[in-house]
Amino acid sequence: MLINRVRNLFLFCATSFIGFTGFSQSDSIVKAKIIGGDSIQSSLLYNSGVAKVSQKQYQGAIDDFTKAIELNPSFEQAFFNRGMAKFAMENYSGSISDFDQSIALTNNPESHYTRARAHFFGGNKEEALAGYTNTIAINKDHAKAYYYRGGLKFENADYEGAITDFDQAIRAEPNYAYAYNDRGSAKRQLNDLDGAIKDYQKAVLLDKQMSFAYNNLGSAKRKKEDFKGAIQEYTKAILIDDKSFIAYNNRGSAKFDDGDFKGAIEDFSKAIELNKDYAYAFNNRAGAKFKLNDLKGCIEDCSKAIAIDANYAYAYMNRGNAKELLRDEKGACEDWTKAANLGAEAANSFIGICQ
């Protein structure tokens, strides 16, 4: 016989941070100044291409740069800007080919850098990493190359290496808000919460509209159990971006931790309103309902989370907890078993009492 007892609901709250933000930044398509080629006609075509790029007429620009290159095969700037126009059209393999030609002609660090960007967006992160390293070898003050290389190291869980690169990005560009934000996220991964908070604070000081940095600051404060401080930071993120379902979810999690279960439900509900497929918010709202003894509501939200993500182990475990209190012993054991099979180790302690 299953003994009915109140269990602690295991919440799996998505306290998201933005560790690798920089690829949302835009780079100027035209890096080169308008210069003359070896012939007047080549120069005119090149200048026409530059003008079309500035108007986002990328295909027309590519056509002009191609004609300029036909007249002057050593026109490095035409290769470079044709590569940038192809990059803008998401023709990454074509842009890489043009940057190869640019590098062969001048070994320009910007060609290494933009080729690395093309490799990244084309899915070849190893070549991207090598490209940023090549850029830095030529120009040790290339802030963005350090920054993006740091981002790739972050993705590879090399947090100390990422911090070193973000340090160099900040050295080269002291007001680099994104680099402060991402260095904070790397520090947070190493559990240097005070260092993370300091970096996030610097990021929002430099860019007061950086909503995700406020969100990150809130998550660092929440991890330090400064729940009221976390709520304040999440609120600032929401004031900047009221469509941020992650910030609503995270603020709800902080309210939950602070014992404000009704306020948590309001925020989780808002997150769901903004993103109806956000399984984390359904599971988290289930936890708040559990705390308010709304067991049927808890089960309903867990079921919605599972409908979105059939492998959501903690939603199964939480639903099992609620079913146990409603004396659905068979259903509870089935959910705990499913949770354990999906990797929720805590569910194993519950299964032990199932007969």
Protein backbone atom coordinates (compact mmCIF):
# COMPACT_ATOMS: atom_id res chain seq x y z
CA MET A 1 0.00 0.00 0.00
CA LEU A 2 1.30 3.43 -0.93
CA ILE A 3 1.60 5.75 2.07
CA ASN A 4 0.07 9.14 1.35
CA ARG A 5 2.46 11.93 2.31
CA VAL A 6 3.24 15.48 1.21
CA ARG A 7 6.34 15.51 -0.95
CA ASN A 8 8.50 18.44 -1.93
CA LEU A 9 7.79 19.29 -5.53
CA PHE A 10 10.95 19.26 -7.61
CA LEU A 11 10.81 22.38 -9.75
CA PHE A 12 12.81 22.61 -12.93
CA CYS A 13 12.62 26.35 -13.48
CA ALA A 14 14.20 27.85 -16.57
CA THR A 15 16.37 30.61 -15.18
CA SER A 16 17.88 31.36 -18.53
CA PHE A 17 20.96 33.44 -19.07
CA ILE A 18 22.37 34.71 -22.31
CA GLY A 19 25.92 33.52 -22.50
CA PHE A 20 26.45 33.85 -26.22
CA THR A 21 24.65 37.01 -27.23
CA GLY A 22 26.93 38.69 -29.69
CA PHE A 23 25.68 37.16 -32.91
CA SER A 24 22.61 39.36 -32.57
CA GLN A 25 24.81 42.36 -33.19
CA SER A 26 24.98 43.64 -36.74
CA ASP A 27 28.19 44.32 -38.60
CA SER A 28 28.48 46.84 -41.38
CA ILE A 29 28.27 45.10 -44.73
CA VAL A 30 30.65 47.50 -46.42
CA LYS A 31 34.02 47.43 -44.72
CA ALA A 32 36.05 49.04 -47.46
CA LYS A 33 36.17 52.63 -48.55
CA ILE A 34 35.30 53.47 -52.12
CA ILE A 35 38.58 53.34 -53.99
CA GLY A 36 39.68 53.14 -57.60
CA GLY A 37 40.67 49.92 -59.31
CA ASP A 38 43.21 49.42 -62.10
CA SER A 39 40.72 50.77 -64.60
CA ILE A 40 38.14 53.49 -64.52
CA GLN A 41 35.36 51.08 -65.49
CA SER A 42 36.30 48.63 -62.75
CA SER A 43 36.30 51.44 -60.21
CA LEU A 44 32.90 52.70 -61.36
CA LEU A 45 31.40 49.22 -61.11
CA TYR A 46 32.90 48.75 -57.66
CA ASN A 47 31.52 52.07 -56.44
CA SER A 48 28.11 51.17 -57.87
CA GLY A 49 28.22 47.90 -55.92
CA VAL A 50 29.05 49.72 -52.70
CA ALA A 51 26.09 52.06 -53.22
CA LYS A 52 23.76 49.10 -53.84
CA VAL A 53 24.95 47.34 -50.70
CA SER A 54 24.13 50.46 -48.66
CA GLN A 55 20.60 50.20 -50.09
CA LYS A 56 20.48 46.44 -49.33
CA GLN A 57 20.30 45.62 -53.04
CA TYR A 58 22.64 42.71 -52.51
CA GLN A 59 22.19 40.77 -55.73
CA GLY A 60 22.72 43.91 -57.79
CA ALA A 61 25.82 44.66 -55.74
CA ILE A 62 27.16 41.14 -56.33
CA ASP A 63 26.67 41.57 -60.07
CA ASP A 64 28.60 44.86 -60.05
CA PHE A 65 31.45 43.49 -57.93
CA THR A 66 31.69 40.45 -60.24
CA LYS A 67 32.05 42.68 -63.28
CA ALA A 68 34.65 44.79 -61.48
CA ILE A 69 36.64 41.63 -60.68
CA GLU A 70 36.43 40.45 -64.29
CA LEU A 71 38.09 43.71 -65.34
CA ASN A 72 40.57 43.67 -62.45
CA PRO A 73 41.20 40.14 -61.06
CA SER A 74 43.41 41.50 -58.24
CA PHE A 75 40.75 43.90 -56.91
CA GLU A 76 40.82 42.71 -53.28
CA GLN A 77 38.19 45.13 -51.99
CA ALA A 78 35.74 43.90 -54.62
CA PHE A 79 36.26 40.30 -53.48
CA PHE A 80 35.78 41.37 -49.88
CA ASN A 81 32.59 43.32 -50.42
CA ARG A 82 31.15 40.70 -52.74
CA GLY A 83 31.74 38.25 -49.92
CA MET A 84 29.93 40.56 -47.51
CA ALA A 85 26.97 40.88 -49.90
CA LYS A 86 26.78 37.09 -50.23
CA PHE A 87 26.97 36.83 -46.44
CA ALA A 88 23.98 39.17 -46.17
CA MET A 89 22.07 36.84 -48.50
CA GLU A 90 23.07 33.86 -46.31
CA ASN A 91 25.20 32.39 -49.10
CA TYR A 92 27.90 31.43 -46.64
CA SER A 93 29.86 29.07 -48.88
CA GLY A 94 29.98 31.72 -51.61
CA SER A 95 31.11 34.39 -49.14
CA ILE A 96 33.84 32.11 -47.78
CA SER A 97 35.19 31.63 -51.31
CA ASP A 98 35.39 35.40 -51.78
CA PHE A 99 37.08 35.93 -48.42
CA ASP A 100 39.60 33.25 -49.41
CA GLN A 101 40.46 35.35 -52.47
CA SER A 102 40.70 38.51 -50.38
CA ILE A 103 43.07 36.81 -47.93
CA ALA A 104 45.23 35.46 -50.75
CA LEU A 105 45.62 38.99 -52.10
CA THR A 106 46.25 40.97 -48.88
CA ASN A 107 45.89 38.75 -45.76
CA ASN A 108 43.50 41.39 -44.42
CA PRO A 109 42.48 40.59 -40.79
CA GLU A 110 38.91 41.69 -41.56
CA SER A 111 38.71 38.99 -44.22
CA HIS A 112 39.79 36.39 -41.67
CA TYR A 113 37.21 37.73 -39.24
CA THR A 114 34.29 37.83 -41.66
CA ARG A 115 35.23 34.42 -43.08
CA ALA A 116 35.08 33.08 -39.53
CA ARG A 117 31.61 34.59 -39.17
CA ALA A 118 30.53 32.89 -42.38
CA HIS A 119 31.91 29.55 -41.16
CA PHE A 120 29.96 29.94 -37.92
CA PHE A 121 26.66 30.66 -39.60
CA GLY A 122 27.39 27.91 -42.10
CA GLY A 123 27.67 25.47 -39.19
CA ASN A 124 31.44 24.93 -39.12
CA LYS A 125 32.35 26.15 -35.65
CA GLU A 126 35.85 24.65 -35.68
CA GLU A 127 36.78 26.74 -38.71
CA ALA A 128 35.12 29.74 -37.12
CA LEU A 129 37.26 29.33 -34.01
CA ALA A 130 40.40 29.04 -36.12
CA GLY A 131 39.38 32.11 -38.10
CA TYR A 132 38.99 34.27 -35.01
CA THR A 133 42.38 33.06 -33.82
CA ASN A 134 43.92 34.01 -37.18
CA THR A 135 42.33 37.45 -36.94
CA ILE A 136 43.81 37.98 -33.49
CA ALA A 137 47.25 36.83 -34.68
CA ILE A 138 47.22 39.69 -37.21
CA ASN A 139 45.39 42.26 -35.08
CA LYS A 140 45.78 41.71 -31.31
CA ASP A 141 43.28 44.51 -30.64
CA HIS A 142 40.36 43.01 -32.60
CA ALA A 143 37.68 43.17 -29.90
CA LYS A 144 34.99 41.29 -31.81
CA ALA A 145 37.29 38.41 -32.73
CA TYR A 146 38.10 37.93 -29.04
CA TYR A 147 34.44 38.27 -28.17
CA TYR A 148 33.15 35.73 -30.66
CA ARG A 149 35.97 33.31 -29.90
CA GLY A 150 35.03 33.64 -26.24
CA GLY A 151 31.46 32.80 -27.17
CA LEU A 152 32.54 29.61 -28.91
CA LYS A 153 34.67 28.63 -25.91
CA PHE A 154 31.61 29.26 -23.73
CA GLU A 155 29.59 26.91 -25.92
CA ASN A 156 32.32 24.29 -25.45
CA ALA A 157 32.12 24.71 -21.65
CA ASP A 158 35.63 26.23 -21.57
CA TYR A 159 34.47 28.97 -19.22
CA GLU A 160 37.92 30.02 -18.05
CA GLY A 161 39.07 30.33 -21.66
CA ALA A 162 35.94 32.31 -22.47
CA ILE A 163 36.62 34.71 -19.61
CA THR A 164 40.17 35.27 -20.87
CA ASP A 165 38.84 36.18 -24.31
CA PHE A 166 36.13 38.44 -22.93
CA ASP A 167 38.84 40.12 -20.84
CA GLN A 168 40.77 40.85 -24.03
CA ALA A 169 37.64 42.10 -25.81
CA ILE A 170 37.04 44.54 -22.97
CA ARG A 171 40.69 45.59 -22.95
CA ALA A 172 40.43 46.44 -26.65
CA GLU A 173 36.97 48.01 -26.31
CA PRO A 174 36.34 49.16 -22.71
CA ASN A 175 32.65 49.94 -23.30
CA TYR A 176 31.80 46.54 -24.81
CA ALA A 177 28.53 45.85 -22.99
CA TYR A 178 27.96 42.45 -24.62
CA ALA A 179 31.40 41.27 -23.49
CA TYR A 180 30.67 42.30 -19.89
CA ASN A 181 27.35 40.46 -20.02
CA ASP A 182 28.83 37.27 -21.43
CA ARG A 183 31.83 37.34 -19.11
CA GLY A 184 29.31 37.54 -16.30
CA SER A 185 27.59 34.42 -17.63
CA ALA A 186 30.90 32.54 -17.81
CA LYS A 187 31.69 33.56 -14.25
CA ARG A 188 28.26 32.38 -13.20
CA GLN A 189 28.97 28.97 -14.69
CA LEU A 190 32.06 28.84 -12.45
CA ASN A 191 29.89 29.85 -9.48
CA ASP A 192 31.60 33.24 -9.16
CA LEU A 193 28.29 34.92 -8.44
CA ASP A 194 29.75 38.16 -7.09
CA GLY A 195 31.91 38.51 -10.19
CA ALA A 196 28.95 37.73 -12.42
CA ILE A 197 26.77 40.33 -10.70
CA LYS A 198 29.50 42.95 -11.06
CA ASP A 199 29.80 42.25 -14.80
CA TYR A 200 26.05 42.27 -15.39
CA GLN A 201 25.79 45.57 -13.54
CA LYS A 202 28.51 47.02 -15.76
CA ALA A 203 26.69 45.76 -18.86
CA VAL A 204 23.43 47.50 -17.96
CA LEU A 205 25.33 50.64 -16.96
CA LEU A 206 26.78 50.75 -20.47
CA ASP A 207 23.51 49.79 -22.18
CA LYS A 208 20.41 50.53 -20.16
CA GLN A 209 18.20 48.85 -22.77
CA MET A 210 19.92 45.46 -22.49
CA SER A 211 16.94 43.57 -21.11
CA PHE A 212 18.61 40.16 -21.12
CA ALA A 213 21.45 41.50 -18.94
CA TYR A 214 18.89 42.56 -16.33
CA ASN A 215 17.41 39.07 -16.63
CA ASN A 216 20.85 37.56 -16.10
CA LEU A 217 21.46 39.84 -13.14
CA GLY A 218 18.19 38.65 -11.63
CA SER A 219 19.17 35.01 -12.08
CA ALA A 220 22.54 35.57 -10.39
CA LYS A 221 20.84 37.28 -7.46
CA ARG A 222 18.29 34.49 -7.26
CA LYS A 223 21.09 31.93 -7.08
CA LYS A 224 22.46 33.91 -4.12
CA GLU A 225 18.97 33.64 -2.59
CA ASP A 226 18.42 37.39 -2.87
CA PHE A 227 14.90 36.77 -4.12
CA LYS A 228 13.58 40.30 -3.72
CA GLY A 229 16.63 41.67 -5.51
CA ALA A 230 16.10 39.13 -8.27
CA ILE A 231 12.46 40.17 -8.64
CA GLN A 232 13.54 43.80 -9.04
CA GLU A 233 15.99 42.92 -11.82
CA TYR A 234 13.50 40.72 -13.68
CA THR A 235 10.99 43.56 -13.45
CA LYS A 236 13.49 45.91 -15.10
CA ALA A 237 13.96 43.37 -17.89
CA ILE A 238 10.19 43.21 -18.39
CA LEU A 239 9.85 47.00 -18.43
CA ILE A 240 12.31 47.08 -21.34
CA ASP A 241 10.86 44.05 -23.13
CA ASP A 242 7.32 43.19 -22.07
CA LYS A 243 7.30 40.26 -24.52
CA SER A 244 10.08 38.42 -22.69
CA PHE A 245 8.37 35.23 -21.58
CA ILE A 246 11.67 34.07 -20.07
CA ALA A 247 11.83 37.12 -17.78
CA TYR A 248 8.21 36.55 -16.67
CA ASN A 249 8.95 32.89 -16.00
CA ASN A 250 12.10 33.76 -14.06
CA ARG A 251 10.35 36.44 -12.02
CA GLY A 252 7.68 33.88 -11.23
CA SER A 253 10.38 31.48 -10.06
CA ALA A 254 11.85 34.15 -7.77
CA LYS A 255 8.40 34.93 -6.37
CA PHE A 256 7.91 31.21 -5.79
CA ASP A 257 11.21 31.04 -3.89
CA ASP A 258 10.12 34.08 -1.87
CA GLY A 259 6.84 32.35 -0.91
CA ASP A 260 4.56 34.48 -3.10
CA PHE A 261 2.81 31.58 -4.85
CA LYS A 262 -0.12 33.63 -6.17
CA GLY A 263 2.27 36.19 -7.66
CA ALA A 264 4.27 33.34 -9.15
CA ILE A 265 1.18 31.93 -10.84
CA GLU A 266 0.43 35.34 -12.37
CA ASP A 267 3.90 35.53 -13.87
CA PHE A 268 3.93 31.93 -15.10
CA SER A 269 0.52 32.53 -16.68
CA LYS A 270 1.87 35.62 -18.46
CA ALA A 271 4.84 33.61 -19.73
CA ILE A 272 2.41 31.01 -21.09
CA GLU A 273 0.27 33.72 -22.68
CA LEU A 274 3.36 34.97 -24.53
CA ASN A 275 4.58 31.48 -25.45
CA LYS A 276 1.94 28.76 -25.40
CA ASP A 277 4.59 26.08 -26.02
CA TYR A 278 6.75 27.01 -23.02
CA ALA A 279 6.76 23.74 -21.11
CA TYR A 280 8.89 25.11 -18.25
CA ALA A 281 6.25 27.70 -17.34
CA PHE A 282 3.48 25.08 -17.24
CA ASN A 283 5.59 22.89 -14.95
CA ASN A 284 6.52 25.84 -12.75
CA ARG A 285 2.91 27.00 -12.50
CA ALA A 286 2.04 23.45 -11.49
CA GLY A 287 4.50 23.80 -8.62
CA ALA A 288 2.89 27.00 -7.40
CA LYS A 289 -0.56 25.40 -7.60
CA PHE A 290 0.78 22.43 -5.64
CA LYS A 291 1.90 24.81 -2.89
CA LEU A 292 -1.61 26.28 -2.80
CA ASN A 293 -3.08 22.75 -2.60
CA ASP A 294 -4.65 23.02 -6.05
CA LEU A 295 -3.71 19.45 -6.87
CA LYS A 296 -6.02 19.04 -9.84
CA GLY A 297 -4.67 22.27 -11.31
CA CYS A 298 -1.15 20.99 -10.71
CA ILE A 299 -1.87 17.77 -12.58
CA GLU A 300 -3.48 19.68 -15.42
CA ASP A 301 -0.42 21.93 -15.87
CA CYS A 302 2.02 19.02 -15.62
CA SER A 303 0.03 17.23 -18.30
CA LYS A 304 0.24 20.31 -20.53
CA ALA A 305 4.00 20.46 -20.02
CA ILE A 306 4.25 16.77 -20.97
CA ALA A 307 2.06 17.32 -24.04
CA ILE A 308 4.61 19.91 -25.21
CA ASP A 309 7.67 17.87 -24.20
CA ALA A 310 7.02 14.15 -23.87
CA ASN A 311 10.47 13.67 -22.29
CA TYR A 312 10.04 16.25 -19.52
CA ALA A 313 11.10 14.05 -16.61
CA TYR A 314 10.34 16.49 -13.80
CA ALA A 315 6.84 17.19 -15.07
CA TYR A 316 6.13 13.43 -14.76
CA MET A 317 7.62 13.37 -11.28
CA ASN A 318 5.65 16.42 -10.16
CA ARG A 319 2.43 15.02 -11.59
CA GLY A 320 3.11 11.81 -9.69
CA ASN A 321 3.47 13.77 -6.45
CA ALA A 322 0.09 15.40 -6.95
CA LYS A 323 -1.54 12.10 -7.90
CA GLU A 324 -0.22 10.52 -4.72
CA LEU A 325 -1.93 13.15 -2.60
CA LEU A 326 -5.16 12.51 -4.51
CA ARG A 327 -4.71 8.77 -3.69
CA ASP A 328 -4.19 7.80 -7.32
CA GLU A 329 -1.48 5.32 -6.32
CA LYS A 330 -1.27 3.54 -9.64
CA GLY A 331 -1.03 6.80 -11.60
CA ALA A 332 1.60 8.19 -9.21
CA CYS A 333 3.81 5.11 -9.56
CA GLU A 334 3.47 5.15 -13.35
CA ASP A 335 4.55 8.81 -13.47
CA TRP A 336 7.48 8.31 -11.10
CA THR A 337 8.67 5.32 -13.09
CA LYS A 338 8.50 7.34 -16.30
CA ALA A 339 10.36 10.21 -14.64
CA ALA A 340 13.12 7.89 -13.41
CA ASN A 341 13.48 6.31 -16.84
CA LEU A 342 13.90 9.80 -18.31
CA GLY A 343 16.70 10.67 -15.89
CA ALA A 344 15.02 12.24 -12.84
CA GLU A 345 17.05 10.44 -10.19
CA ALA A 346 14.96 11.87 -7.34
CA ALA A 347 12.00 9.85 -8.59
CA ASN A 348 13.80 6.62 -7.64
CA SER A 349 13.23 7.31 -3.96
CA PHE A 350 9.48 7.48 -4.62
CA ILE A 351 9.35 4.29 -6.70
CA GLY A 352 10.75 2.34 -3.78
CA ILE A 353 7.40 2.49 -1.98
CA CYS A 354 5.38 1.39 -4.99
CA GLN A 355 4.05 -2.16 -4.64
